[in-house]
Every structure is written in C-alpha cells, then in structure tokens.
Amino acid sequence: MWPSAVVLSRYLVTNPHELINKDVLEIGCGCGLSGLVAGRIKASQGGDKVTTVHLTDFNATVVKNCEGNIALNGLRNVVKAEQLDFYQQDMAVDGWVDSMGKKHEQVDVILAADVICQ
C-alpha cells in the first residue's frame, strides 16, 4: 500500500459529505484502501439513493484480491470490483466501460490515489 492511499482515506474520513448519495469510481485501486473506506462511510452514513463504490484496476489479480478485501470488510452490498484500464476509455461513451466490455453509468466522484506506478 502506498502512502497516497492513506492520505486520501484520511481526507474521506474527515469529509464524508463528499460521498453521500454519490456513485464512486476508484481507478488504479491496488489493495482498494480508499475505495473500501469510501464504502464503509457510505454504508454507515446511509442516504436516500442507492449508490455504489467501484474498485477498479487493470490487473486481474489485483481485482481478485479486492474482491476478497470487499468480502472481509462486509461491503458486498456497497462496493464492487471490476477490471478497468482507464487508458482504454472511449471519450464518446457516456460513462465508462470495464475490461469485459460492460458499460457503466457515469459516476459522481473519481478517486485516484495510486495511479502513477510505472
């Protein structure tokens, strides 16, 4: 885990209003700390709209690990893990498309803590 995920998670904890009633996409999630924190905040704060946190990474092994982290944290109702290469997005698409070709609606918040790693 990189320090940037810890810093972003601390920001989210001190600013939970940024997430309520909003769909969240974490790109390049790694172990998914920031997205899991967002999911925990959303699960505990509630809201009047059913929303989701999407943990995404281009690496299938990372996504599988995130699925385990989601289960361990009891967040399956709020957080989903999908494979996504954000470099391969089509700007003409309204929303985003995961690596399996499934189209997803636009999100309200994009988290990007650990995206520069190469």
C-alpha atoms as a PDB file:
ATOM      1  CA  MET A   1       0.000   0.000   0.000  1.00  0.00           C
ATOM      2  CA  TRP A   2       1.284   3.437  -0.905  1.00  0.00           C
ATOM      3  CA  PRO A   3       1.112   6.459   1.420  1.00  0.00           C
ATOM      4  CA  SER A   4      -1.153   8.313  -1.009  1.00  0.00           C
ATOM      5  CA  ALA A   5      -3.981   5.834  -0.298  1.00  0.00           C
ATOM      6  CA  VAL A   6      -3.667   6.534   3.428  1.00  0.00           C
ATOM      7  CA  VAL A   7      -3.748  10.294   2.856  1.00  0.00           C
ATOM      8  CA  LEU A   8      -6.780  10.071   0.566  1.00  0.00           C
ATOM      9  CA  SER A   9      -8.548   7.790   3.059  1.00  0.00           C
ATOM     10  CA  ARG A  10      -7.949  10.291   5.856  1.00  0.00           C
ATOM     11  CA  TYR A  11      -9.408  13.022   3.667  1.00  0.00           C
ATOM     12  CA  LEU A  12     -12.524  10.935   3.029  1.00  0.00           C
ATOM     13  CA  VAL A  13     -12.993  10.188   6.729  1.00  0.00           C
ATOM     14  CA  THR A  14     -12.849  13.901   7.563  1.00  0.00           C
ATOM     15  CA  ASN A  15     -15.104  14.839   4.624  1.00  0.00           C
ATOM     16  CA  PRO A  16     -17.785  12.123   4.423  1.00  0.00           C
ATOM     17  CA  HIS A  17     -20.258  14.561   2.873  1.00  0.00           C
ATOM     18  CA  GLU A  18     -18.234  14.259  -0.358  1.00  0.00           C
ATOM     19  CA  LEU A  19     -19.561  10.694  -0.780  1.00  0.00           C
ATOM     20  CA  ILE A  20     -23.170  10.647   0.412  1.00  0.00           C
ATOM     21  CA  ASN A  21     -25.663   9.860  -2.372  1.00  0.00           C
ATOM     22  CA  LYS A  22     -22.837   9.659  -4.918  1.00  0.00           C
ATOM     23  CA  ASP A  23     -21.515   6.858  -7.102  1.00  0.00           C
ATOM     24  CA  VAL A  24     -17.755   6.495  -6.678  1.00  0.00           C
ATOM     25  CA  LEU A  25     -15.104   5.059  -9.013  1.00  0.00           C
ATOM     26  CA  GLU A  26     -11.609   4.349  -7.722  1.00  0.00           C
ATOM     27  CA  ILE A  27      -9.143   3.902 -10.583  1.00  0.00           C
ATOM     28  CA  GLY A  28      -5.864   2.060 -10.111  1.00  0.00           C
ATOM     29  CA  CYS A  29      -7.125   0.893  -6.730  1.00  0.00           C
ATOM     30  CA  GLY A  30      -4.329  -1.510  -5.753  1.00  0.00           C
ATOM     31  CA  CYS A  31      -5.487  -3.103  -2.491  1.00  0.00           C
ATOM     32  CA  GLY A  32      -8.504  -0.788  -2.546  1.00  0.00           C
ATOM     33  CA  LEU A  33      -7.989   1.087   0.717  1.00  0.00           C
ATOM     34  CA  SER A  34      -9.521   4.396  -0.411  1.00  0.00           C
ATOM     35  CA  GLY A  35     -12.499   2.718  -2.055  1.00  0.00           C
ATOM     36  CA  LEU A  36     -13.070   0.452   0.949  1.00  0.00           C
ATOM     37  CA  VAL A  37     -13.019   3.491   3.243  1.00  0.00           C
ATOM     38  CA  ALA A  38     -15.497   5.206   0.912  1.00  0.00           C
ATOM     39  CA  GLY A  39     -17.684   2.094   1.017  1.00  0.00           C
ATOM     40  CA  ARG A  40     -17.571   1.937   4.812  1.00  0.00           C
ATOM     41  CA  ILE A  41     -18.514   5.630   5.039  1.00  0.00           C
ATOM     42  CA  LYS A  42     -21.400   5.142   2.627  1.00  0.00           C
ATOM     43  CA  ALA A  43     -22.612   2.022   4.453  1.00  0.00           C
ATOM     44  CA  SER A  44     -22.558   3.773   7.835  1.00  0.00           C
ATOM     45  CA  GLN A  45     -23.923   7.154   6.728  1.00  0.00           C
ATOM     46  CA  GLY A  46     -26.722   5.853   4.547  1.00  0.00           C
ATOM     47  CA  GLY A  47     -28.507   8.233   2.253  1.00  0.00           C
ATOM     48  CA  ASP A  48     -31.647   8.350   0.188  1.00  0.00           C
ATOM     49  CA  LYS A  49     -30.118   6.978  -3.008  1.00  0.00           C
ATOM     50  CA  VAL A  50     -28.677   3.520  -3.619  1.00  0.00           C
ATOM     51  CA  THR A  51     -25.115   4.125  -4.797  1.00  0.00           C
ATOM     52  CA  THR A  52     -22.022   2.034  -5.420  1.00  0.00           C
ATOM     53  CA  VAL A  53     -18.273   2.285  -4.993  1.00  0.00           C
ATOM     54  CA  HIS A  54     -16.381   0.650  -7.883  1.00  0.00           C
ATOM     55  CA  LEU A  55     -12.821  -0.518  -7.141  1.00  0.00           C
ATOM     56  CA  THR A  56     -11.024  -0.834 -10.472  1.00  0.00           C
ATOM     57  CA  ASP A  57      -7.570  -1.847 -11.651  1.00  0.00           C
ATOM     58  CA  PHE A  58      -6.183  -3.115 -14.958  1.00  0.00           C
ATOM     59  CA  ASN A  59      -4.580  -6.141 -13.273  1.00  0.00           C
ATOM     60  CA  ALA A  60      -6.965  -9.120 -12.898  1.00  0.00           C
ATOM     61  CA  THR A  61      -5.052 -10.471  -9.882  1.00  0.00           C
ATOM     62  CA  VAL A  62      -5.432  -7.123  -8.123  1.00  0.00           C
ATOM     63  CA  VAL A  63      -9.182  -7.128  -8.831  1.00  0.00           C
ATOM     64  CA  LYS A  64      -9.478 -10.659  -7.389  1.00  0.00           C
ATOM     65  CA  ASN A  65      -7.618  -9.514  -4.267  1.00  0.00           C
ATOM     66  CA  CYS A  66     -10.020  -6.558  -3.960  1.00  0.00           C
ATOM     67  CA  GLU A  67     -12.981  -8.938  -4.118  1.00  0.00           C
ATOM     68  CA  GLY A  68     -11.529 -10.687  -1.070  1.00  0.00           C
ATOM     69  CA  ASN A  69     -10.970  -7.365   0.708  1.00  0.00           C
ATOM     70  CA  ILE A  70     -14.566  -6.351  -0.018  1.00  0.00           C
ATOM     71  CA  ALA A  71     -15.829  -9.619   1.496  1.00  0.00           C
ATOM     72  CA  LEU A  72     -13.537  -9.356   4.530  1.00  0.00           C
ATOM     73  CA  ASN A  73     -14.911  -5.878   5.238  1.00  0.00           C
ATOM     74  CA  GLY A  74     -18.549  -6.903   4.761  1.00  0.00           C
ATOM     75  CA  LEU A  75     -19.103  -4.379   1.956  1.00  0.00           C
ATOM     76  CA  ARG A  76     -20.524  -6.537  -0.856  1.00  0.00           C
ATOM     77  CA  ASN A  77     -23.752  -4.509  -0.876  1.00  0.00           C
ATOM     78  CA  VAL A  78     -21.912  -1.231  -1.469  1.00  0.00           C
ATOM     79  CA  VAL A  79     -18.545  -1.980  -3.122  1.00  0.00           C
ATOM     80  CA  LYS A  80     -17.842  -3.824  -6.392  1.00  0.00           C
ATOM     81  CA  ALA A  81     -14.514  -4.776  -8.006  1.00  0.00           C
ATOM     82  CA  GLU A  82     -14.088  -4.568 -11.786  1.00  0.00           C
ATOM     83  CA  GLN A  83     -11.158  -4.781 -14.150  1.00  0.00           C
ATOM     84  CA  LEU A  84     -10.601  -1.478 -15.936  1.00  0.00           C
ATOM     85  CA  ASP A  85      -7.803   0.004 -18.000  1.00  0.00           C
ATOM     86  CA  PHE A  86      -8.525   3.716 -17.786  1.00  0.00           C
ATOM     87  CA  TYR A  87      -6.163   4.385 -20.688  1.00  0.00           C
ATOM     88  CA  GLN A  88      -8.533   2.439 -22.957  1.00  0.00           C
ATOM     89  CA  GLN A  89     -11.676   4.536 -22.436  1.00  0.00           C
ATOM     90  CA  ASP A  90     -13.653   5.948 -25.352  1.00  0.00           C
ATOM     91  CA  MET A  91     -14.424   9.618 -24.710  1.00  0.00           C
ATOM     92  CA  ALA A  92     -17.527   9.317 -26.896  1.00  0.00           C
ATOM     93  CA  VAL A  93     -19.100   6.877 -24.402  1.00  0.00           C
ATOM     94  CA  ASP A  94     -21.316   8.447 -21.754  1.00  0.00           C
ATOM     95  CA  GLY A  95     -19.935   6.694 -18.676  1.00  0.00           C
ATOM     96  CA  TRP A  96     -17.162   4.086 -18.602  1.00  0.00           C
ATOM     97  CA  VAL A  97     -16.548   0.603 -19.956  1.00  0.00           C
ATOM     98  CA  ASP A  98     -14.825  -2.108 -17.921  1.00  0.00           C
ATOM     99  CA  SER A  99     -12.306  -4.548 -19.416  1.00  0.00           C
ATOM    100  CA  MET A 100     -15.073  -7.099 -20.036  1.00  0.00           C
ATOM    101  CA  GLY A 101     -16.859  -4.593 -22.292  1.00  0.00           C
ATOM    102  CA  LYS A 102     -19.655  -3.834 -19.816  1.00  0.00           C
ATOM    103  CA  LYS A 103     -20.848  -0.235 -19.926  1.00  0.00           C
ATOM    104  CA  HIS A 104     -21.321   1.561 -16.602  1.00  0.00           C
ATOM    105  CA  GLU A 105     -23.109   4.817 -15.892  1.00  0.00           C
ATOM    106  CA  GLN A 106     -21.202   7.996 -15.149  1.00  0.00           C
ATOM    107  CA  VAL A 107     -20.039   8.386 -11.562  1.00  0.00           C
ATOM    108  CA  ASP A 108     -20.102  11.426  -9.318  1.00  0.00           C
ATOM    109  CA  VAL A 109     -16.669  11.039  -7.689  1.00  0.00           C
ATOM    110  CA  ILE A 110     -13.423   9.570  -9.033  1.00  0.00           C
ATOM    111  CA  LEU A 111     -10.729   8.532  -6.544  1.00  0.00           C
ATOM    112  CA  ALA A 112      -7.173   8.136  -7.823  1.00  0.00           C
ATOM    113  CA  ALA A 113      -4.613   7.628  -5.074  1.00  0.00           C
ATOM    114  CA  ASP A 114      -2.131   5.204  -6.580  1.00  0.00           C
ATOM    115  CA  VAL A 115      -2.344   5.723 -10.336  1.00  0.00           C
ATOM    116  CA  ILE A 116       1.271   6.621 -11.085  1.00  0.00           C
ATOM    117  CA  CYS A 117       3.265   3.458 -10.532  1.00  0.00           C
ATOM    118  CA  GLN A 118       5.196   2.831 -13.741  1.00  0.00           C
END
